[in-house]
């Protein structure tokens, strides 16, 4: 379990370093889509870490959840923008609450050990 956790943390750190060093500038019009998709992906990562700590991690569930959550969040932002409604806020609230819940559970697991 700890090897998987450290690999996930290492992968996240490597991804952040690569992302900060690539000179890629995205148009500001995509900022809303990218931010909710990143929030959904981060929720999946914390859910995966939580599942690994509870020893019921499933790679298929993690990968399918990672991409489906990110696509759903970006899709809500896109549809909301077309309708003139801020539907992306629904994704921000839902994934934000789950993110903090997963983080609290991870913290409890770490403090119990």
Foldseek 3Di string as FASTA:
>chain_A
DVVVVVVLVVVVVVVVVVVVPDPDDDDPVCVLLVVLLVLQLLLLSLVQSLCVLVPNHDPVCSVVSSVVLSVVLSVQCVVCVVVVHRSNVVSCVVSVVSNVVSVVSVVVSVVVD
